[in-house]
Amino acid sequence: MILHDNPEIKKEKELFTELIKESYHNAYYRVKPQMIEHGLIKVKNKSIELTEKGETAYLLLKALIDETNGINEEK
């Protein structure tokens, strides 16, 4: 299930996925097991994808960051 088809959100999700990939390659033994264990990513043929749960986690994290940035901008 795709939660957002908005091009901006889609681009940000792709950047987020790239960040995960970078973390995965830089800290293979620390990042990968936990992210797979918690169902945030799936790895197929050395390709990393966000799962639905990972996509939801991304959107919740983004909303929290956006809300925090909004609060900080008001101060």
N, C-alpha and C. Protein backbone atom coordinates (compact mmCIF):
# COMPACT_ATOMS: atom_id res chain seq x y z
N MET A 1 0.85 -1.18 0.00
CA MET A 1 0.00 0.00 0.00
C MET A 1 0.89 1.24 0.00
N ILE A 2 0.70 2.11 -0.96
CA ILE A 2 1.46 3.35 -1.02
C ILE A 2 0.67 4.41 -0.26
N LEU A 3 1.30 5.02 0.72
CA LEU A 3 0.60 5.97 1.58
C LEU A 3 0.49 7.35 0.94
N HIS A 4 1.47 7.72 0.13
CA HIS A 4 1.44 9.03 -0.52
C HIS A 4 1.98 8.92 -1.93
N ASP A 5 1.26 9.50 -2.87
CA ASP A 5 1.74 9.54 -4.25
C ASP A 5 2.25 10.94 -4.60
N ASN A 6 2.25 11.83 -3.62
CA ASN A 6 2.74 13.19 -3.82
C ASN A 6 4.20 13.13 -4.28
N PRO A 7 4.54 13.79 -5.40
CA PRO A 7 5.92 13.74 -5.92
C PRO A 7 6.98 14.19 -4.91
N GLU A 8 6.67 15.22 -4.11
CA GLU A 8 7.64 15.70 -3.12
C GLU A 8 7.89 14.63 -2.06
N ILE A 9 6.81 14.02 -1.57
CA ILE A 9 6.93 12.97 -0.56
C ILE A 9 7.68 11.78 -1.16
N LYS A 10 7.35 11.45 -2.40
CA LYS A 10 8.01 10.33 -3.07
C LYS A 10 9.51 10.58 -3.17
N LYS A 11 9.89 11.81 -3.54
CA LYS A 11 11.32 12.15 -3.65
C LYS A 11 12.00 12.06 -2.28
N GLU A 12 11.33 12.56 -1.25
CA GLU A 12 11.90 12.51 0.10
C GLU A 12 12.04 11.07 0.57
N LYS A 13 11.06 10.22 0.24
CA LYS A 13 11.16 8.80 0.61
C LYS A 13 12.35 8.15 -0.09
N GLU A 14 12.57 8.54 -1.34
CA GLU A 14 13.72 7.99 -2.08
C GLU A 14 15.03 8.43 -1.43
N LEU A 15 15.11 9.69 -1.00
CA LEU A 15 16.31 10.18 -0.32
C LEU A 15 16.50 9.46 1.01
N PHE A 16 15.39 9.25 1.73
CA PHE A 16 15.43 8.52 2.99
C PHE A 16 15.93 7.10 2.77
N THR A 17 15.43 6.46 1.70
CA THR A 17 15.87 5.11 1.36
C THR A 17 17.35 5.11 1.03
N GLU A 18 17.82 6.13 0.31
CA GLU A 18 19.24 6.23 -0.01
C GLU A 18 20.08 6.37 1.26
N LEU A 19 19.56 7.15 2.22
CA LEU A 19 20.26 7.31 3.50
C LEU A 19 20.35 5.96 4.22
N ILE A 20 19.27 5.21 4.19
CA ILE A 20 19.28 3.87 4.80
C ILE A 20 20.30 2.99 4.09
N LYS A 21 20.32 3.06 2.76
CA LYS A 21 21.28 2.26 1.99
C LYS A 21 22.71 2.63 2.38
N GLU A 22 22.96 3.93 2.50
CA GLU A 22 24.30 4.38 2.87
C GLU A 22 24.67 3.87 4.25
N SER A 23 23.73 3.97 5.19
CA SER A 23 23.97 3.45 6.54
C SER A 23 24.20 1.95 6.50
N TYR A 24 23.42 1.29 5.69
CA TYR A 24 23.51 -0.17 5.55
C TYR A 24 24.90 -0.56 5.07
N HIS A 25 25.42 0.16 4.10
CA HIS A 25 26.73 -0.19 3.56
C HIS A 25 27.86 0.25 4.49
N ASN A 26 27.67 1.35 5.21
CA ASN A 26 28.73 1.84 6.10
C ASN A 26 28.77 1.13 7.44
N ALA A 27 27.65 0.61 7.88
CA ALA A 27 27.58 -0.04 9.20
C ALA A 27 26.77 -1.33 9.07
N TYR A 28 27.17 -2.17 8.17
CA TYR A 28 26.43 -3.37 7.79
C TYR A 28 25.93 -4.16 8.99
N TYR A 29 26.78 -4.44 9.93
CA TYR A 29 26.39 -5.32 11.03
C TYR A 29 25.54 -4.62 12.09
N ARG A 30 25.61 -3.30 12.17
CA ARG A 30 24.80 -2.58 13.16
C ARG A 30 23.41 -2.26 12.64
N VAL A 31 23.31 -1.81 11.40
CA VAL A 31 22.05 -1.29 10.89
C VAL A 31 21.14 -2.37 10.34
N LYS A 32 21.65 -3.17 9.46
CA LYS A 32 20.82 -4.13 8.73
C LYS A 32 20.01 -5.06 9.64
N PRO A 33 20.63 -5.75 10.59
CA PRO A 33 19.85 -6.71 11.37
C PRO A 33 18.66 -6.08 12.10
N GLN A 34 18.87 -4.93 12.71
CA GLN A 34 17.78 -4.29 13.45
C GLN A 34 16.68 -3.80 12.51
N MET A 35 17.06 -3.24 11.40
CA MET A 35 16.05 -2.70 10.47
C MET A 35 15.24 -3.83 9.85
N ILE A 36 15.89 -4.94 9.55
CA ILE A 36 15.16 -6.08 9.01
C ILE A 36 14.32 -6.71 10.12
N GLU A 37 14.91 -6.87 11.30
CA GLU A 37 14.21 -7.48 12.44
C GLU A 37 12.92 -6.73 12.77
N HIS A 38 12.97 -5.42 12.69
CA HIS A 38 11.79 -4.61 13.01
C HIS A 38 10.88 -4.42 11.80
N GLY A 39 11.25 -5.01 10.68
CA GLY A 39 10.39 -4.97 9.49
C GLY A 39 10.37 -3.64 8.77
N LEU A 40 11.41 -2.84 8.92
CA LEU A 40 11.44 -1.53 8.27
C LEU A 40 11.97 -1.59 6.84
N ILE A 41 12.86 -2.54 6.59
CA ILE A 41 13.39 -2.71 5.24
C ILE A 41 13.36 -4.18 4.85
N LYS A 42 13.43 -4.41 3.56
CA LYS A 42 13.61 -5.77 3.07
C LYS A 42 14.76 -5.73 2.07
N VAL A 43 15.52 -6.79 2.05
CA VAL A 43 16.68 -6.87 1.17
C VAL A 43 16.46 -8.05 0.23
N LYS A 44 16.48 -7.74 -1.06
CA LYS A 44 16.34 -8.77 -2.08
C LYS A 44 17.43 -8.54 -3.12
N ASN A 45 18.22 -9.56 -3.38
CA ASN A 45 19.27 -9.46 -4.39
C ASN A 45 20.11 -8.20 -4.22
N LYS A 46 20.52 -7.92 -3.00
CA LYS A 46 21.35 -6.76 -2.65
C LYS A 46 20.64 -5.43 -2.91
N SER A 47 19.32 -5.46 -3.04
CA SER A 47 18.53 -4.24 -3.21
C SER A 47 17.76 -4.00 -1.92
N ILE A 48 17.79 -2.78 -1.44
CA ILE A 48 17.12 -2.44 -0.19
C ILE A 48 15.87 -1.64 -0.51
N GLU A 49 14.74 -2.04 0.09
CA GLU A 49 13.48 -1.32 -0.10
C GLU A 49 12.82 -1.09 1.25
N LEU A 50 12.13 0.03 1.37
CA LEU A 50 11.32 0.26 2.55
C LEU A 50 10.10 -0.65 2.49
N THR A 51 9.74 -1.24 3.60
CA THR A 51 8.50 -2.00 3.68
C THR A 51 7.37 -1.01 3.98
N GLU A 52 6.15 -1.50 4.02
CA GLU A 52 5.02 -0.63 4.38
C GLU A 52 5.25 -0.06 5.78
N LYS A 53 5.73 -0.90 6.68
CA LYS A 53 6.02 -0.45 8.04
C LYS A 53 7.14 0.61 8.04
N GLY A 54 8.16 0.39 7.21
CA GLY A 54 9.25 1.36 7.09
C GLY A 54 8.77 2.68 6.51
N GLU A 55 7.88 2.58 5.53
CA GLU A 55 7.31 3.78 4.92
C GLU A 55 6.49 4.56 5.96
N THR A 56 5.71 3.83 6.76
CA THR A 56 4.92 4.47 7.81
C THR A 56 5.83 5.13 8.84
N ALA A 57 6.90 4.42 9.23
CA ALA A 57 7.85 4.99 10.19
C ALA A 57 8.48 6.26 9.64
N TYR A 58 8.82 6.24 8.35
CA TYR A 58 9.39 7.42 7.70
C TYR A 58 8.40 8.59 7.77
N LEU A 59 7.14 8.33 7.42
CA LEU A 59 6.14 9.40 7.39
C LEU A 59 5.90 9.96 8.79
N LEU A 60 5.88 9.09 9.81
CA LEU A 60 5.70 9.55 11.18
C LEU A 60 6.91 10.38 11.63
N LEU A 61 8.10 9.92 11.30
CA LEU A 61 9.31 10.66 11.64
C LEU A 61 9.33 12.01 10.94
N LYS A 62 8.96 12.04 9.68
CA LYS A 62 8.92 13.28 8.92
C LYS A 62 7.91 14.26 9.53
N ALA A 63 6.74 13.76 9.91
CA ALA A 63 5.71 14.61 10.52
C ALA A 63 6.22 15.20 11.83
N LEU A 64 6.91 14.38 12.62
CA LEU A 64 7.46 14.85 13.89
C LEU A 64 8.52 15.92 13.66
N ILE A 65 9.39 15.69 12.69
CA ILE A 65 10.43 16.67 12.36
C ILE A 65 9.81 17.96 11.85
N ASP A 66 8.81 17.84 10.96
CA ASP A 66 8.14 19.03 10.44
C ASP A 66 7.46 19.81 11.55
N GLU A 67 6.81 19.09 12.49
CA GLU A 67 6.14 19.75 13.60
C GLU A 67 7.16 20.44 14.50
N THR A 68 8.26 19.78 14.77
CA THR A 68 9.33 20.37 15.59
C THR A 68 9.91 21.60 14.91
N ASN A 69 10.14 21.51 13.61
CA ASN A 69 10.65 22.67 12.87
C ASN A 69 9.66 23.82 12.91
N GLY A 70 8.37 23.53 12.83
CA GLY A 70 7.34 24.56 12.91
C GLY A 70 7.34 25.23 14.27
N ILE A 71 7.50 24.45 15.33
CA ILE A 71 7.56 25.00 16.68
C ILE A 71 8.80 25.87 16.83
N ASN A 72 9.93 25.41 16.32
CA ASN A 72 11.17 26.18 16.42
C ASN A 72 11.10 27.47 15.62
N GLU A 73 10.40 27.45 14.48
CA GLU A 73 10.27 28.66 13.66
C GLU A 73 9.39 29.70 14.34
N GLU A 74 8.42 29.25 15.17
CA GLU A 74 7.53 30.17 15.86
C GLU A 74 8.23 30.91 16.99
N LYS A 75 9.30 30.32 17.55
CA LYS A 75 10.00 30.93 18.70
C LYS A 75 10.79 32.13 18.31
